[in-house]
C-alpha atoms as a PDB file:
ATOM      1  CA  UNK A   1       1.228 -31.295 -28.904  1.00  0.00           C
ATOM      2  CA  UNK A   2      -2.217 -31.916 -30.349  1.00  0.00           C
ATOM      3  CA  UNK A   3      -3.673 -33.019 -33.653  1.00  0.00           C
ATOM      4  CA  UNK A   4      -7.026 -32.349 -35.254  1.00  0.00           C
ATOM      5  CA  UNK A   5      -8.595 -35.712 -35.970  1.00  0.00           C
ATOM      6  CA  UNK A   6     -11.057 -34.145 -38.398  1.00  0.00           C
ATOM      7  CA  UNK A   7      -8.253 -33.659 -40.931  1.00  0.00           C
ATOM      8  CA  UNK A   8      -7.619 -37.425 -40.803  1.00  0.00           C
ATOM      9  CA  UNK A   9     -11.206 -38.655 -41.038  1.00  0.00           C
ATOM     10  CA  UNK A  10     -10.674 -39.911 -44.603  1.00  0.00           C
ATOM     11  CA  UNK A  11      -7.326 -41.533 -43.874  1.00  0.00           C
ATOM     12  CA  UNK A  12      -7.504 -45.300 -43.529  1.00  0.00           C
ATOM     13  CA  UNK A  13      -5.320 -46.163 -40.519  1.00  0.00           C
ATOM     14  CA  UNK A  14      -2.797 -48.972 -40.708  1.00  0.00           C
ATOM     15  CA  UNK A  15      -2.741 -50.867 -37.409  1.00  0.00           C
ATOM     16  CA  UNK A  16       0.462 -52.756 -36.631  1.00  0.00           C
ATOM     17  CA  UNK A  17       2.081 -54.224 -33.535  1.00  0.00           C
ATOM     18  CA  UNK A  18       5.846 -54.509 -32.974  1.00  0.00           C
ATOM     19  CA  UNK A  19       7.075 -56.078 -29.749  1.00  0.00           C
ATOM     20  CA  UNK A  20       3.477 -56.133 -28.529  1.00  0.00           C
ATOM     21  CA  UNK A  21       3.374 -52.338 -28.898  1.00  0.00           C
ATOM     22  CA  UNK A  22       0.226 -51.462 -30.917  1.00  0.00           C
ATOM     23  CA  UNK A  23       0.587 -48.537 -33.322  1.00  0.00           C
ATOM     24  CA  UNK A  24      -2.023 -46.849 -35.513  1.00  0.00           C
ATOM     25  CA  UNK A  25      -0.493 -45.121 -38.543  1.00  0.00           C
ATOM     26  CA  UNK A  26      -2.652 -42.466 -40.211  1.00  0.00           C
ATOM     27  CA  UNK A  27      -0.810 -42.331 -43.536  1.00  0.00           C
ATOM     28  CA  UNK A  28      -2.161 -39.877 -46.129  1.00  0.00           C
ATOM     29  CA  UNK A  29      -1.671 -40.929 -49.731  1.00  0.00           C
ATOM     30  CA  UNK A  30      -2.361 -44.369 -51.168  1.00  0.00           C
ATOM     31  CA  UNK A  31       1.175 -44.884 -52.480  1.00  0.00           C
ATOM     32  CA  UNK A  32       2.932 -44.612 -49.123  1.00  0.00           C
ATOM     33  CA  UNK A  33       0.092 -46.418 -47.358  1.00  0.00           C
ATOM     34  CA  UNK A  34       0.293 -49.376 -49.765  1.00  0.00           C
ATOM     35  CA  UNK A  35       4.066 -49.583 -49.473  1.00  0.00           C
ATOM     36  CA  UNK A  36       3.847 -49.490 -45.690  1.00  0.00           C
ATOM     37  CA  UNK A  37       1.166 -52.194 -45.768  1.00  0.00           C
ATOM     38  CA  UNK A  38       3.454 -54.395 -47.848  1.00  0.00           C
ATOM     39  CA  UNK A  39       6.498 -53.733 -45.682  1.00  0.00           C
ATOM     40  CA  UNK A  40       4.697 -54.379 -42.373  1.00  0.00           C
ATOM     41  CA  UNK A  41       2.192 -56.983 -43.567  1.00  0.00           C
ATOM     42  CA  UNK A  42       3.465 -59.593 -41.122  1.00  0.00           C
ATOM     43  CA  UNK A  43       2.940 -57.156 -38.241  1.00  0.00           C
ATOM     44  CA  UNK A  44      -0.542 -55.932 -39.115  1.00  0.00           C
ATOM     45  CA  UNK A  45      -2.875 -55.766 -36.117  1.00  0.00           C
ATOM     46  CA  UNK A  46      -6.665 -55.830 -36.049  1.00  0.00           C
ATOM     47  CA  UNK A  47      -6.951 -53.797 -32.852  1.00  0.00           C
ATOM     48  CA  UNK A  48      -7.512 -50.051 -33.175  1.00  0.00           C
ATOM     49  CA  UNK A  49      -6.348 -48.761 -29.802  1.00  0.00           C
ATOM     50  CA  UNK A  50      -2.677 -48.305 -30.650  1.00  0.00           C
ATOM     51  CA  UNK A  51      -0.587 -45.172 -30.248  1.00  0.00           C
ATOM     52  CA  UNK A  52      -1.902 -42.773 -32.928  1.00  0.00           C
ATOM     53  CA  UNK A  53       0.805 -41.638 -35.356  1.00  0.00           C
ATOM     54  CA  UNK A  54      -0.198 -38.737 -37.585  1.00  0.00           C
ATOM     55  CA  UNK A  55       1.697 -37.755 -40.736  1.00  0.00           C
ATOM     56  CA  UNK A  56       2.375 -34.176 -41.811  1.00  0.00           C
ATOM     57  CA  UNK A  57       4.128 -32.878 -44.894  1.00  0.00           C
ATOM     58  CA  UNK A  58       5.999 -29.984 -43.307  1.00  0.00           C
ATOM     59  CA  UNK A  59       8.531 -29.781 -40.496  1.00  0.00           C
ATOM     60  CA  UNK A  60       6.343 -27.760 -38.112  1.00  0.00           C
ATOM     61  CA  UNK A  61       3.460 -28.879 -35.931  1.00  0.00           C
ATOM     62  CA  UNK A  62      -0.003 -27.330 -35.991  1.00  0.00           C
ATOM     63  CA  UNK A  63      -1.408 -27.760 -32.458  1.00  0.00           C
ATOM     64  CA  UNK A  64      -5.140 -28.037 -32.036  1.00  0.00           C
ATOM     65  CA  UNK A  65      -7.365 -30.456 -30.133  1.00  0.00           C
ATOM     66  CA  UNK A  66      -6.029 -33.604 -28.490  1.00  0.00           C
ATOM     67  CA  UNK A  67      -6.690 -37.034 -30.044  1.00  0.00           C
ATOM     68  CA  UNK A  68      -9.709 -38.854 -28.637  1.00  0.00           C
ATOM     69  CA  UNK A  69      -7.579 -41.915 -27.807  1.00  0.00           C
ATOM     70  CA  UNK A  70      -4.880 -42.020 -25.200  1.00  0.00           C
ATOM     71  CA  UNK A  71      -1.710 -44.095 -25.107  1.00  0.00           C
ATOM     72  CA  UNK A  72       0.462 -43.257 -22.108  1.00  0.00           C
ATOM     73  CA  UNK A  73       4.235 -43.468 -22.557  1.00  0.00           C
ATOM     74  CA  UNK A  74       4.922 -43.019 -18.831  1.00  0.00           C
ATOM     75  CA  UNK A  75       8.128 -41.191 -19.727  1.00  0.00           C
ATOM     76  CA  UNK A  76       7.702 -37.709 -18.328  1.00  0.00           C
ATOM     77  CA  UNK A  77       5.600 -34.622 -18.839  1.00  0.00           C
ATOM     78  CA  UNK A  78       8.043 -33.448 -21.514  1.00  0.00           C
ATOM     79  CA  UNK A  79       7.604 -34.391 -25.163  1.00  0.00           C
ATOM     80  CA  UNK A  80      10.312 -36.032 -27.229  1.00  0.00           C
ATOM     81  CA  UNK A  81      11.397 -34.931 -30.685  1.00  0.00           C
ATOM     82  CA  UNK A  82      14.168 -36.009 -33.020  1.00  0.00           C
ATOM     83  CA  UNK A  83      15.266 -34.768 -36.453  1.00  0.00           C
ATOM     84  CA  UNK A  84      16.617 -37.251 -38.988  1.00  0.00           C
ATOM     85  CA  UNK A  85      17.822 -35.625 -42.197  1.00  0.00           C
ATOM     86  CA  UNK A  86      14.724 -33.701 -43.378  1.00  0.00           C
ATOM     87  CA  UNK A  87      12.227 -35.761 -41.380  1.00  0.00           C
ATOM     88  CA  UNK A  88      11.024 -35.312 -37.808  1.00  0.00           C
ATOM     89  CA  UNK A  89       9.363 -37.438 -35.124  1.00  0.00           C
ATOM     90  CA  UNK A  90       7.516 -35.894 -32.191  1.00  0.00           C
ATOM     91  CA  UNK A  91       6.030 -37.805 -29.253  1.00  0.00           C
ATOM     92  CA  UNK A  92       4.002 -36.890 -26.203  1.00  0.00           C
ATOM     93  CA  UNK A  93       1.785 -38.837 -23.825  1.00  0.00           C
ATOM     94  CA  UNK A  94      -1.158 -39.098 -26.220  1.00  0.00           C
ATOM     95  CA  UNK A  95       0.149 -39.385 -29.779  1.00  0.00           C
ATOM     96  CA  UNK A  96       3.081 -39.102 -32.149  1.00  0.00           C
ATOM     97  CA  UNK A  97       3.611 -37.105 -35.318  1.00  0.00           C
ATOM     98  CA  UNK A  98       5.870 -37.878 -38.278  1.00  0.00           C
ATOM     99  CA  UNK A  99       6.870 -34.911 -40.428  1.00  0.00           C
ATOM    100  CA  UNK A 100       8.397 -34.934 -43.884  1.00  0.00           C
ATOM    101  CA  UNK A 101       8.014 -38.682 -44.588  1.00  0.00           C
ATOM    102  CA  UNK A 102       8.473 -38.998 -48.352  1.00  0.00           C
ATOM    103  CA  UNK A 103       9.058 -42.750 -48.677  1.00  0.00           C
ATOM    104  CA  UNK A 104       8.900 -46.011 -46.746  1.00  0.00           C
ATOM    105  CA  UNK A 105      12.581 -45.873 -45.791  1.00  0.00           C
ATOM    106  CA  UNK A 106      12.098 -42.645 -43.843  1.00  0.00           C
ATOM    107  CA  UNK A 107       9.010 -44.172 -42.251  1.00  0.00           C
ATOM    108  CA  UNK A 108      11.052 -47.191 -41.209  1.00  0.00           C
ATOM    109  CA  UNK A 109      13.714 -44.992 -39.598  1.00  0.00           C
ATOM    110  CA  UNK A 110      11.205 -42.851 -37.703  1.00  0.00           C
ATOM    111  CA  UNK A 111       9.422 -45.940 -36.414  1.00  0.00           C
ATOM    112  CA  UNK A 112      12.696 -47.236 -34.961  1.00  0.00           C
ATOM    113  CA  UNK A 113      13.361 -43.916 -33.252  1.00  0.00           C
ATOM    114  CA  UNK A 114       9.818 -43.765 -31.882  1.00  0.00           C
ATOM    115  CA  UNK A 115       9.946 -47.334 -30.572  1.00  0.00           C
ATOM    116  CA  UNK A 116      13.104 -46.697 -28.569  1.00  0.00           C
ATOM    117  CA  UNK A 117      11.221 -44.159 -26.486  1.00  0.00           C
ATOM    118  CA  UNK A 118       7.945 -46.073 -26.218  1.00  0.00           C
ATOM    119  CA  UNK A 119       9.758 -49.280 -25.214  1.00  0.00           C
ATOM    120  CA  UNK A 120      11.954 -47.727 -22.530  1.00  0.00           C
ATOM    121  CA  UNK A 121       9.341 -47.516 -19.729  1.00  0.00           C
ATOM    122  CA  UNK A 122       8.113 -50.968 -20.765  1.00  0.00           C
ATOM    123  CA  UNK A 123      11.480 -52.609 -20.080  1.00  0.00           C
ATOM    124  CA  UNK A 124      12.376 -52.979 -23.714  1.00  0.00           C
ATOM    125  CA  UNK A 125      14.936 -51.732 -26.224  1.00  0.00           C
ATOM    126  CA  UNK A 126      16.123 -52.142 -29.808  1.00  0.00           C
ATOM    127  CA  UNK A 127      19.501 -53.721 -30.489  1.00  0.00           C
ATOM    128  CA  UNK A 128      21.647 -54.080 -33.602  1.00  0.00           C
ATOM    129  CA  UNK A 129      21.461 -57.860 -33.576  1.00  0.00           C
ATOM    130  CA  UNK A 130      20.331 -60.885 -35.540  1.00  0.00           C
ATOM    131  CA  UNK A 131      18.078 -63.269 -33.619  1.00  0.00           C
ATOM    132  CA  UNK A 132      17.689 -66.937 -34.477  1.00  0.00           C
ATOM    133  CA  UNK A 133      15.278 -69.403 -32.848  1.00  0.00           C
ATOM    134  CA  UNK A 134      16.534 -72.859 -31.956  1.00  0.00           C
ATOM    135  CA  UNK A 135      14.576 -75.426 -29.906  1.00  0.00           C
ATOM    136  CA  UNK A 136      12.063 -72.799 -28.842  1.00  0.00           C
ATOM    137  CA  UNK A 137      14.616 -70.312 -27.526  1.00  0.00           C
ATOM    138  CA  UNK A 138      16.123 -67.168 -29.019  1.00  0.00           C
ATOM    139  CA  UNK A 139      19.836 -66.688 -29.643  1.00  0.00           C
ATOM    140  CA  UNK A 140      20.757 -63.033 -30.040  1.00  0.00           C
ATOM    141  CA  UNK A 141      23.901 -62.131 -32.037  1.00  0.00           C
ATOM    142  CA  UNK A 142      24.830 -58.478 -31.493  1.00  0.00           C
ATOM    143  CA  UNK A 143      27.202 -56.328 -33.514  1.00  0.00           C
ATOM    144  CA  UNK A 144      27.472 -53.186 -35.575  1.00  0.00           C
ATOM    145  CA  UNK A 145      27.621 -53.124 -39.377  1.00  0.00           C
ATOM    146  CA  UNK A 146      30.045 -55.699 -40.756  1.00  0.00           C
ATOM    147  CA  UNK A 147      30.195 -57.769 -37.575  1.00  0.00           C
ATOM    148  CA  UNK A 148      28.480 -60.749 -39.194  1.00  0.00           C
ATOM    149  CA  UNK A 149      24.773 -60.494 -38.330  1.00  0.00           C
ATOM    150  CA  UNK A 150      23.626 -61.178 -41.881  1.00  0.00           C
ATOM    151  CA  UNK A 151      26.128 -64.040 -42.101  1.00  0.00           C
ATOM    152  CA  UNK A 152      24.642 -65.633 -38.977  1.00  0.00           C
ATOM    153  CA  UNK A 153      21.163 -65.257 -40.479  1.00  0.00           C
ATOM    154  CA  UNK A 154      22.190 -66.721 -43.835  1.00  0.00           C
ATOM    155  CA  UNK A 155      23.824 -69.739 -42.137  1.00  0.00           C
ATOM    156  CA  UNK A 156      20.759 -70.494 -40.027  1.00  0.00           C
ATOM    157  CA  UNK A 157      17.941 -72.871 -41.065  1.00  0.00           C
ATOM    158  CA  UNK A 158      15.070 -71.448 -43.074  1.00  0.00           C
ATOM    159  CA  UNK A 159      12.226 -70.099 -40.964  1.00  0.00           C
ATOM    160  CA  UNK A 160      14.318 -69.658 -37.817  1.00  0.00           C
ATOM    161  CA  UNK A 161      15.415 -66.024 -38.260  1.00  0.00           C
ATOM    162  CA  UNK A 162      13.352 -63.601 -36.171  1.00  0.00           C
ATOM    163  CA  UNK A 163      15.335 -60.689 -37.579  1.00  0.00           C
ATOM    164  CA  UNK A 164      18.721 -60.206 -39.223  1.00  0.00           C
ATOM    165  CA  UNK A 165      19.414 -56.591 -38.269  1.00  0.00           C
ATOM    166  CA  UNK A 166      17.358 -54.950 -35.494  1.00  0.00           C
ATOM    167  CA  UNK A 167      16.204 -57.119 -32.594  1.00  0.00           C
ATOM    168  CA  UNK A 168      13.692 -56.101 -29.956  1.00  0.00           C
ATOM    169  CA  UNK A 169      14.407 -57.314 -26.415  1.00  0.00           C
ATOM    170  CA  UNK A 170      11.767 -56.930 -23.743  1.00  0.00           C
ATOM    171  CA  UNK A 171      11.078 -58.235 -20.242  1.00  0.00           C
ATOM    172  CA  UNK A 172       7.825 -60.174 -20.647  1.00  0.00           C
ATOM    173  CA  UNK A 173       6.018 -62.742 -18.483  1.00  0.00           C
ATOM    174  CA  UNK A 174       8.741 -62.806 -15.860  1.00  0.00           C
ATOM    175  CA  UNK A 175      11.706 -63.119 -18.213  1.00  0.00           C
ATOM    176  CA  UNK A 176      13.587 -61.568 -21.132  1.00  0.00           C
ATOM    177  CA  UNK A 177      12.192 -62.335 -24.582  1.00  0.00           C
ATOM    178  CA  UNK A 178      13.416 -61.521 -28.080  1.00  0.00           C
ATOM    179  CA  UNK A 179      10.826 -60.284 -30.579  1.00  0.00           C
ATOM    180  CA  UNK A 180      10.911 -60.291 -34.324  1.00  0.00           C
ATOM    181  CA  UNK A 181      10.851 -56.915 -36.055  1.00  0.00           C
ATOM    182  CA  UNK A 182      10.206 -55.767 -39.638  1.00  0.00           C
ATOM    183  CA  UNK A 183      13.532 -53.891 -39.676  1.00  0.00           C
ATOM    184  CA  UNK A 184      15.675 -56.033 -41.948  1.00  0.00           C
ATOM    185  CA  UNK A 185      19.307 -55.840 -43.091  1.00  0.00           C
ATOM    186  CA  UNK A 186      21.386 -57.337 -45.912  1.00  0.00           C
ATOM    187  CA  UNK A 187      19.835 -60.783 -45.487  1.00  0.00           C
ATOM    188  CA  UNK A 188      16.456 -59.083 -45.972  1.00  0.00           C
ATOM    189  CA  UNK A 189      14.683 -61.321 -43.512  1.00  0.00           C
ATOM    190  CA  UNK A 190      11.143 -59.963 -43.392  1.00  0.00           C
ATOM    191  CA  UNK A 191      11.011 -60.753 -39.665  1.00  0.00           C
ATOM    192  CA  UNK A 192       8.617 -62.957 -37.744  1.00  0.00           C
ATOM    193  CA  UNK A 193       5.982 -61.396 -35.499  1.00  0.00           C
ATOM    194  CA  UNK A 194       6.786 -63.838 -32.693  1.00  0.00           C
ATOM    195  CA  UNK A 195       8.751 -63.825 -29.456  1.00  0.00           C
ATOM    196  CA  UNK A 196      10.791 -66.399 -27.560  1.00  0.00           C
ATOM    197  CA  UNK A 197      12.685 -66.549 -24.269  1.00  0.00           C
ATOM    198  CA  UNK A 198      16.330 -65.599 -24.699  1.00  0.00           C
ATOM    199  CA  UNK A 199      18.833 -68.440 -24.358  1.00  0.00           C
ATOM    200  CA  UNK A 200      21.869 -66.177 -24.637  1.00  0.00           C
ATOM    201  CA  UNK A 201      23.351 -63.006 -26.099  1.00  0.00           C
ATOM    202  CA  UNK A 202      26.518 -63.216 -28.184  1.00  0.00           C
ATOM    203  CA  UNK A 203      28.717 -60.271 -29.153  1.00  0.00           C
ATOM    204  CA  UNK A 204      30.136 -61.106 -32.582  1.00  0.00           C
ATOM    205  CA  UNK A 205      33.867 -61.136 -33.332  1.00  0.00           C
ATOM    206  CA  UNK A 206      35.480 -62.565 -36.455  1.00  0.00           C
ATOM    207  CA  UNK A 207      38.223 -65.088 -35.735  1.00  0.00           C
ATOM    208  CA  UNK A 208      40.141 -68.044 -37.150  1.00  0.00           C
ATOM    209  CA  UNK A 209      38.436 -70.486 -34.794  1.00  0.00           C
ATOM    210  CA  UNK A 210      35.003 -70.904 -33.259  1.00  0.00           C
ATOM    211  CA  UNK A 211      34.824 -70.347 -29.515  1.00  0.00           C
ATOM    212  CA  UNK A 212      32.774 -68.494 -26.945  1.00  0.00           C
ATOM    213  CA  UNK A 213      34.156 -66.309 -24.180  1.00  0.00           C
ATOM    214  CA  UNK A 214      31.971 -65.597 -21.118  1.00  0.00           C
ATOM    215  CA  UNK A 215      31.630 -61.887 -20.369  1.00  0.00           C
ATOM    216  CA  UNK A 216      31.425 -60.199 -16.980  1.00  0.00           C
ATOM    217  CA  UNK A 217      28.587 -57.652 -16.485  1.00  0.00           C
ATOM    218  CA  UNK A 218      30.840 -54.649 -17.145  1.00  0.00           C
ATOM    219  CA  UNK A 219      32.164 -56.258 -20.322  1.00  0.00           C
ATOM    220  CA  UNK A 220      28.600 -56.989 -21.406  1.00  0.00           C
ATOM    221  CA  UNK A 221      27.666 -53.332 -21.016  1.00  0.00           C
ATOM    222  CA  UNK A 222      30.696 -52.284 -23.082  1.00  0.00           C
ATOM    223  CA  UNK A 223      29.727 -54.777 -25.787  1.00  0.00           C
ATOM    224  CA  UNK A 224      26.009 -53.949 -25.887  1.00  0.00           C
ATOM    225  CA  UNK A 225      25.943 -50.167 -25.474  1.00  0.00           C
ATOM    226  CA  UNK A 226      27.380 -49.381 -28.943  1.00  0.00           C
ATOM    227  CA  UNK A 227      24.720 -51.670 -30.450  1.00  0.00           C
ATOM    228  CA  UNK A 228      21.693 -50.186 -28.661  1.00  0.00           C
ATOM    229  CA  UNK A 229      19.506 -47.832 -30.666  1.00  0.00           C
ATOM    230  CA  UNK A 230      19.006 -44.745 -28.514  1.00  0.00           C
ATOM    231  CA  UNK A 231      18.254 -41.173 -29.524  1.00  0.00           C
ATOM    232  CA  UNK A 232      17.989 -39.031 -26.413  1.00  0.00           C
ATOM    233  CA  UNK A 233      20.495 -37.423 -24.072  1.00  0.00           C
ATOM    234  CA  UNK A 234      17.909 -37.134 -21.298  1.00  0.00           C
ATOM    235  CA  UNK A 235      19.739 -38.161 -18.069  1.00  0.00           C
ATOM    236  CA  UNK A 236      16.711 -39.978 -16.645  1.00  0.00           C
ATOM    237  CA  UNK A 237      16.253 -41.968 -19.829  1.00  0.00           C
ATOM    238  CA  UNK A 238      19.936 -42.865 -19.948  1.00  0.00           C
ATOM    239  CA  UNK A 239      19.876 -44.063 -16.343  1.00  0.00           C
ATOM    240  CA  UNK A 240      16.825 -46.195 -17.111  1.00  0.00           C
ATOM    241  CA  UNK A 241      18.610 -47.735 -20.098  1.00  0.00           C
ATOM    242  CA  UNK A 242      21.752 -48.536 -18.102  1.00  0.00           C
ATOM    243  CA  UNK A 243      19.676 -50.069 -15.300  1.00  0.00           C
ATOM    244  CA  UNK A 244      17.840 -52.225 -17.836  1.00  0.00           C
ATOM    245  CA  UNK A 245      21.059 -53.369 -19.549  1.00  0.00           C
ATOM    246  CA  UNK A 246      22.647 -54.199 -16.206  1.00  0.00           C
ATOM    247  CA  UNK A 247      19.603 -56.289 -15.370  1.00  0.00           C
ATOM    248  CA  UNK A 248      19.810 -58.257 -18.594  1.00  0.00           C
ATOM    249  CA  UNK A 249      23.553 -58.761 -18.072  1.00  0.00           C
ATOM    250  CA  UNK A 250      22.840 -60.315 -14.690  1.00  0.00           C
ATOM    251  CA  UNK A 251      19.932 -62.497 -15.865  1.00  0.00           C
ATOM    252  CA  UNK A 252      20.942 -63.728 -19.330  1.00  0.00           C
ATOM    253  CA  UNK A 253      24.136 -65.651 -20.253  1.00  0.00           C
ATOM    254  CA  UNK A 254      26.263 -63.332 -22.369  1.00  0.00           C
ATOM    255  CA  UNK A 255      29.360 -64.299 -24.345  1.00  0.00           C
ATOM    256  CA  UNK A 256      31.666 -63.034 -27.019  1.00  0.00           C
ATOM    257  CA  UNK A 257      31.377 -65.336 -30.010  1.00  0.00           C
ATOM    258  CA  UNK A 258      34.579 -65.735 -31.998  1.00  0.00           C
ATOM    259  CA  UNK A 259      33.535 -67.339 -35.278  1.00  0.00           C
ATOM    260  CA  UNK A 260      34.798 -68.142 -38.769  1.00  0.00           C
ATOM    261  CA  UNK A 261      31.674 -67.112 -40.670  1.00  0.00           C
ATOM    262  CA  UNK A 262      30.464 -70.653 -41.331  1.00  0.00           C
ATOM    263  CA  UNK A 263      27.718 -72.829 -39.858  1.00  0.00           C
ATOM    264  CA  UNK A 264      30.147 -74.616 -37.528  1.00  0.00           C
ATOM    265  CA  UNK A 265      29.690 -71.819 -34.969  1.00  0.00           C
ATOM    266  CA  UNK A 266      26.485 -73.504 -33.767  1.00  0.00           C
ATOM    267  CA  UNK A 267      28.605 -76.294 -32.313  1.00  0.00           C
ATOM    268  CA  UNK A 268      29.958 -73.921 -29.664  1.00  0.00           C
ATOM    269  CA  UNK A 269      26.805 -71.802 -29.280  1.00  0.00           C
ATOM    270  CA  UNK A 270      24.324 -74.646 -28.780  1.00  0.00           C
ATOM    271  CA  UNK A 271      26.312 -77.909 -28.573  1.00  0.00           C
END
C-alpha cells in the first residue's frame, strides 16, 4: 500500500498521541478536521513523526509512492484491513489509510480498530473498561455494555476518571500501566492523557452486596477476553494476545467485583 503525499500537501495534519502511540491524521476538509481537533484536544501532540493516517473518500486504495516517513508496526509483512459498515481501515508497515469517513464517530471507530493492531506488538491492548485513579494507582473495571462501567465512573471523585468506556493497558517501564483514552461512553468522560501503574483489574457483576472474589488465571482470561477489542482472526496475532493476557493475569491482582451500584464498593476495592 502506498500513498502520494503530494495530494496531501495542503492538508494540515492533526498530531495526537494515545497510549504513547503518536499518530498523524491527514484529514481533508475543515469540518471534520475541526471536529476531530475538538474531540481529541486533550491528546494533541506537537511531534510530527507519528504513524501517517491518510483519508480517502472512496472504498478503494490508489497505490503510488510510499510515504517519506516510516512507522514500523512489527506485525508481519502482510497488511491489515477491516471493513466497518461503509468505512474501511488499511494498515501496513509505513502508514494507514481510512476510507469513507463521513463524520467523527466513524473516525473514532476506525482509530480504535487501528490501535488494536498497532498496540499488539508493543504489549498493549484496548479493553472495555472504566479506569479510575486512586492514590496514584489505576483501578480497572472491565465489563461489556450494561455491566456498570459508567456507574463506576459517575460514583468516582471528579478528576479521577481516566476513561469510562475504553481503557488502554500497556506494559511500560517494567510494569503494566493503564492509559486514558478519548473513547468515552455514557458518562462522557473526555479522558485524561495520563497513565498510572495498575493496582488491580475487576470484572464487574451486579449483586445485592459488595464483595470481591479473587480469580484464577483461567477465570481471568474468560472474564477479560469478551471485553478485549480485537479485529483479526490471524492465528499469530491471536496467540500474541493470549500470551499477553496470560502475562497480565499472572502479574496483576484480578478479581470479580460484586457491587450494588453505589459508592460503597470502594470499601472492598481499596479499603
